[in-house]
């Protein structure tokens, strides 16, 4: 998912958002691009938005609603291990 956030002015704001999102999902991948945060993890858009708003920031819009589970990384080896002979 990609969320547009209003009010981020410094690194401390970025850190507080990262910490809030990691409390929801310790394995989440979080990247910032200007005033947008990209999150891949096991959380809903609503949960992520609520955590960000608890930090004192406003989620202006949802740019991308795609929820990607950071824990699911399919590989050829994983697929081959699941195949039945």
N, C-alpha and C. Protein backbone atom coordinates (compact mmCIF):
# COMPACT_ATOMS: atom_id res chain seq x y z
N UNK A 1 0.84 -1.17 0.00
CA UNK A 1 0.00 0.00 0.00
C UNK A 1 0.89 1.23 0.00
N UNK A 2 0.35 2.30 -0.52
CA UNK A 2 1.08 3.57 -0.53
C UNK A 2 0.13 4.65 -0.03
N UNK A 3 0.54 5.35 1.04
CA UNK A 3 -0.28 6.36 1.67
C UNK A 3 0.40 7.72 1.59
N UNK A 4 -0.38 8.75 1.29
CA UNK A 4 0.12 10.12 1.29
C UNK A 4 -0.15 10.70 2.68
N UNK A 5 0.90 11.23 3.32
CA UNK A 5 0.82 11.69 4.70
C UNK A 5 1.12 13.18 4.77
N UNK A 6 0.33 13.89 5.55
CA UNK A 6 0.52 15.32 5.72
C UNK A 6 1.20 15.60 7.07
N UNK A 7 2.13 16.53 7.07
CA UNK A 7 2.71 16.98 8.33
C UNK A 7 4.09 16.44 8.66
N UNK A 8 4.67 15.61 7.81
CA UNK A 8 6.02 15.10 8.10
C UNK A 8 7.02 16.21 7.81
N UNK A 9 7.74 16.62 8.83
CA UNK A 9 8.68 17.73 8.67
C UNK A 9 10.14 17.34 8.89
N UNK A 10 10.35 16.22 9.58
CA UNK A 10 11.73 15.86 9.91
C UNK A 10 11.87 14.35 10.09
N UNK A 11 13.11 13.94 10.37
CA UNK A 11 13.39 12.52 10.55
C UNK A 11 12.69 11.93 11.77
N UNK A 12 12.44 12.75 12.78
CA UNK A 12 11.77 12.26 13.97
C UNK A 12 10.34 11.82 13.64
N UNK A 13 9.66 12.55 12.78
CA UNK A 13 8.33 12.15 12.34
C UNK A 13 8.35 10.85 11.58
N UNK A 14 9.34 10.70 10.71
CA UNK A 14 9.50 9.46 9.94
C UNK A 14 9.73 8.30 10.90
N UNK A 15 10.61 8.48 11.87
CA UNK A 15 10.90 7.41 12.84
C UNK A 15 9.66 7.03 13.65
N UNK A 16 8.87 8.02 14.03
CA UNK A 16 7.68 7.69 14.84
C UNK A 16 6.67 6.90 14.01
N UNK A 17 6.53 7.22 12.72
CA UNK A 17 5.63 6.46 11.86
C UNK A 17 6.15 5.04 11.66
N UNK A 18 7.44 4.92 11.41
CA UNK A 18 8.03 3.59 11.24
C UNK A 18 7.82 2.74 12.49
N UNK A 19 8.07 3.31 13.65
CA UNK A 19 7.89 2.56 14.90
C UNK A 19 6.44 2.14 15.10
N UNK A 20 5.51 3.03 14.78
CA UNK A 20 4.09 2.71 14.94
C UNK A 20 3.67 1.58 14.01
N UNK A 21 4.16 1.60 12.77
CA UNK A 21 3.83 0.55 11.81
C UNK A 21 4.49 -0.77 12.19
N UNK A 22 5.71 -0.71 12.71
CA UNK A 22 6.40 -1.94 13.13
C UNK A 22 5.75 -2.56 14.36
N UNK A 23 5.06 -1.76 15.17
CA UNK A 23 4.30 -2.32 16.30
C UNK A 23 3.16 -3.20 15.79
N UNK A 24 2.61 -2.84 14.63
CA UNK A 24 1.54 -3.65 14.02
C UNK A 24 2.10 -4.91 13.39
N UNK A 25 3.26 -4.77 12.73
CA UNK A 25 3.87 -5.90 12.02
C UNK A 25 5.37 -5.72 12.02
N UNK A 26 6.05 -6.47 12.87
CA UNK A 26 7.50 -6.34 13.02
C UNK A 26 8.25 -6.68 11.74
N UNK A 27 7.66 -7.47 10.87
CA UNK A 27 8.32 -7.86 9.63
C UNK A 27 7.97 -6.99 8.43
N UNK A 28 7.26 -5.90 8.65
CA UNK A 28 6.84 -5.04 7.54
C UNK A 28 8.05 -4.35 6.90
N UNK A 29 7.93 -4.14 5.58
CA UNK A 29 8.92 -3.34 4.86
C UNK A 29 8.31 -1.97 4.65
N UNK A 30 9.03 -0.93 5.08
CA UNK A 30 8.50 0.43 5.05
C UNK A 30 9.50 1.32 4.34
N UNK A 31 9.02 2.04 3.34
CA UNK A 31 9.87 2.98 2.59
C UNK A 31 9.15 4.31 2.46
N UNK A 32 9.91 5.39 2.61
CA UNK A 32 9.36 6.73 2.45
C UNK A 32 9.83 7.32 1.14
N UNK A 33 8.93 8.00 0.45
CA UNK A 33 9.23 8.76 -0.76
C UNK A 33 8.58 10.12 -0.56
N UNK A 34 9.35 11.11 -0.16
CA UNK A 34 8.83 12.45 0.12
C UNK A 34 7.77 12.34 1.22
N UNK A 35 6.52 12.71 0.93
CA UNK A 35 5.45 12.63 1.94
C UNK A 35 4.57 11.40 1.74
N UNK A 36 5.15 10.37 1.14
CA UNK A 36 4.40 9.13 0.95
C UNK A 36 5.14 7.99 1.63
N UNK A 37 4.37 7.07 2.18
CA UNK A 37 4.96 5.89 2.80
C UNK A 37 4.43 4.66 2.06
N UNK A 38 5.35 3.78 1.69
CA UNK A 38 5.00 2.50 1.05
C UNK A 38 5.20 1.41 2.09
N UNK A 39 4.17 0.59 2.27
CA UNK A 39 4.20 -0.44 3.30
C UNK A 39 3.87 -1.79 2.69
N UNK A 40 4.72 -2.76 2.94
CA UNK A 40 4.44 -4.15 2.59
C UNK A 40 4.46 -4.93 3.89
N UNK A 41 3.33 -5.47 4.26
CA UNK A 41 3.27 -6.19 5.52
C UNK A 41 1.90 -6.77 5.76
N UNK A 42 1.73 -7.33 6.94
CA UNK A 42 0.48 -7.99 7.31
C UNK A 42 -0.39 -7.05 8.13
N UNK A 43 -0.87 -5.98 7.48
CA UNK A 43 -1.75 -5.03 8.13
C UNK A 43 -2.72 -4.49 7.10
N UNK A 44 -3.87 -4.06 7.56
CA UNK A 44 -4.85 -3.47 6.67
C UNK A 44 -4.55 -1.99 6.48
N UNK A 45 -5.16 -1.41 5.48
CA UNK A 45 -5.01 0.03 5.25
C UNK A 45 -5.56 0.79 6.45
N UNK A 46 -6.67 0.33 6.98
CA UNK A 46 -7.27 0.98 8.14
C UNK A 46 -6.36 0.94 9.36
N UNK A 47 -5.73 -0.21 9.60
CA UNK A 47 -4.81 -0.33 10.74
C UNK A 47 -3.61 0.59 10.57
N UNK A 48 -3.04 0.62 9.35
CA UNK A 48 -1.88 1.46 9.09
C UNK A 48 -2.25 2.94 9.24
N UNK A 49 -3.40 3.33 8.70
CA UNK A 49 -3.84 4.72 8.80
C UNK A 49 -4.05 5.13 10.25
N UNK A 50 -4.68 4.25 11.03
CA UNK A 50 -4.93 4.56 12.44
C UNK A 50 -3.62 4.72 13.22
N UNK A 51 -2.64 3.85 12.93
CA UNK A 51 -1.34 3.94 13.62
C UNK A 51 -0.64 5.25 13.27
N UNK A 52 -0.71 5.65 12.01
CA UNK A 52 -0.08 6.91 11.58
C UNK A 52 -0.78 8.09 12.23
N UNK A 53 -2.10 8.06 12.29
CA UNK A 53 -2.85 9.16 12.89
C UNK A 53 -2.62 9.25 14.39
N UNK A 54 -2.37 8.12 15.05
CA UNK A 54 -2.04 8.15 16.49
C UNK A 54 -0.71 8.86 16.74
N UNK A 55 0.15 8.90 15.72
CA UNK A 55 1.44 9.60 15.84
C UNK A 55 1.28 11.11 15.62
N UNK A 56 0.09 11.53 15.25
CA UNK A 56 -0.16 12.96 15.06
C UNK A 56 -0.09 13.42 13.61
N UNK A 57 -0.11 12.50 12.67
CA UNK A 57 -0.05 12.84 11.25
C UNK A 57 -1.37 12.46 10.58
N UNK A 58 -1.70 13.18 9.52
CA UNK A 58 -2.94 12.92 8.79
C UNK A 58 -2.64 12.14 7.52
N UNK A 59 -3.40 11.07 7.30
CA UNK A 59 -3.31 10.34 6.04
C UNK A 59 -4.23 11.08 5.07
N UNK A 60 -3.61 11.72 4.07
CA UNK A 60 -4.36 12.55 3.13
C UNK A 60 -5.10 11.69 2.11
N UNK A 61 -4.42 10.68 1.59
CA UNK A 61 -5.06 9.81 0.61
C UNK A 61 -4.34 8.47 0.53
N UNK A 62 -5.06 7.50 -0.01
CA UNK A 62 -4.49 6.19 -0.30
C UNK A 62 -4.14 6.21 -1.78
N UNK A 63 -2.84 6.20 -2.08
CA UNK A 63 -2.36 6.28 -3.46
C UNK A 63 -2.45 4.91 -4.13
N UNK A 64 -2.13 3.86 -3.38
CA UNK A 64 -2.18 2.49 -3.91
C UNK A 64 -2.77 1.59 -2.84
N UNK A 65 -3.88 0.95 -3.14
CA UNK A 65 -4.58 0.11 -2.17
C UNK A 65 -4.07 -1.33 -2.13
N UNK A 66 -3.10 -1.66 -2.96
CA UNK A 66 -2.58 -3.01 -3.01
C UNK A 66 -1.89 -3.36 -1.70
N UNK A 67 -2.37 -4.39 -1.03
CA UNK A 67 -1.77 -4.84 0.21
C UNK A 67 -0.88 -6.03 -0.11
N UNK A 68 0.42 -5.85 0.14
CA UNK A 68 1.41 -6.89 -0.15
C UNK A 68 1.91 -7.44 1.18
N UNK A 69 1.86 -8.75 1.33
CA UNK A 69 2.35 -9.40 2.54
C UNK A 69 3.86 -9.55 2.42
N UNK A 70 4.60 -8.83 3.24
CA UNK A 70 6.06 -8.88 3.19
C UNK A 70 6.60 -10.25 3.56
N UNK A 71 5.83 -11.04 4.29
CA UNK A 71 6.29 -12.35 4.71
C UNK A 71 6.16 -13.42 3.63
N UNK A 72 5.38 -13.14 2.60
CA UNK A 72 5.18 -14.13 1.54
C UNK A 72 6.09 -13.79 0.38
N UNK A 73 7.12 -14.60 0.21
CA UNK A 73 8.07 -14.40 -0.87
C UNK A 73 8.21 -15.71 -1.62
N UNK A 74 7.38 -15.92 -2.64
CA UNK A 74 7.45 -17.19 -3.35
C UNK A 74 8.76 -17.34 -4.10
N UNK A 75 9.29 -18.54 -4.07
CA UNK A 75 10.52 -18.85 -4.81
C UNK A 75 10.31 -20.15 -5.55
N UNK A 76 11.14 -20.39 -6.54
CA UNK A 76 11.05 -21.65 -7.28
C UNK A 76 11.29 -22.83 -6.34
N UNK A 77 12.24 -22.69 -5.42
CA UNK A 77 12.55 -23.78 -4.50
C UNK A 77 11.35 -24.07 -3.60
N UNK A 78 10.68 -23.00 -3.14
CA UNK A 78 9.51 -23.18 -2.29
C UNK A 78 8.38 -23.86 -3.03
N UNK A 79 8.19 -23.51 -4.29
CA UNK A 79 7.15 -24.13 -5.11
C UNK A 79 7.49 -25.58 -5.37
N UNK A 80 8.73 -25.86 -5.69
CA UNK A 80 9.16 -27.24 -5.97
C UNK A 80 9.01 -28.11 -4.72
N UNK A 81 9.27 -27.54 -3.55
CA UNK A 81 9.17 -28.31 -2.32
C UNK A 81 7.72 -28.68 -2.02
N UNK A 82 6.77 -27.91 -2.52
CA UNK A 82 5.37 -28.19 -2.26
C UNK A 82 4.74 -29.14 -3.28
N UNK A 83 5.41 -29.36 -4.37
CA UNK A 83 4.81 -30.20 -5.42
C UNK A 83 4.81 -31.67 -4.99
N UNK A 84 3.76 -32.35 -5.38
CA UNK A 84 3.66 -33.77 -5.04
C UNK A 84 4.15 -34.60 -6.21
N UNK A 85 4.91 -35.61 -5.92
CA UNK A 85 5.46 -36.46 -6.99
C UNK A 85 4.58 -37.64 -7.25
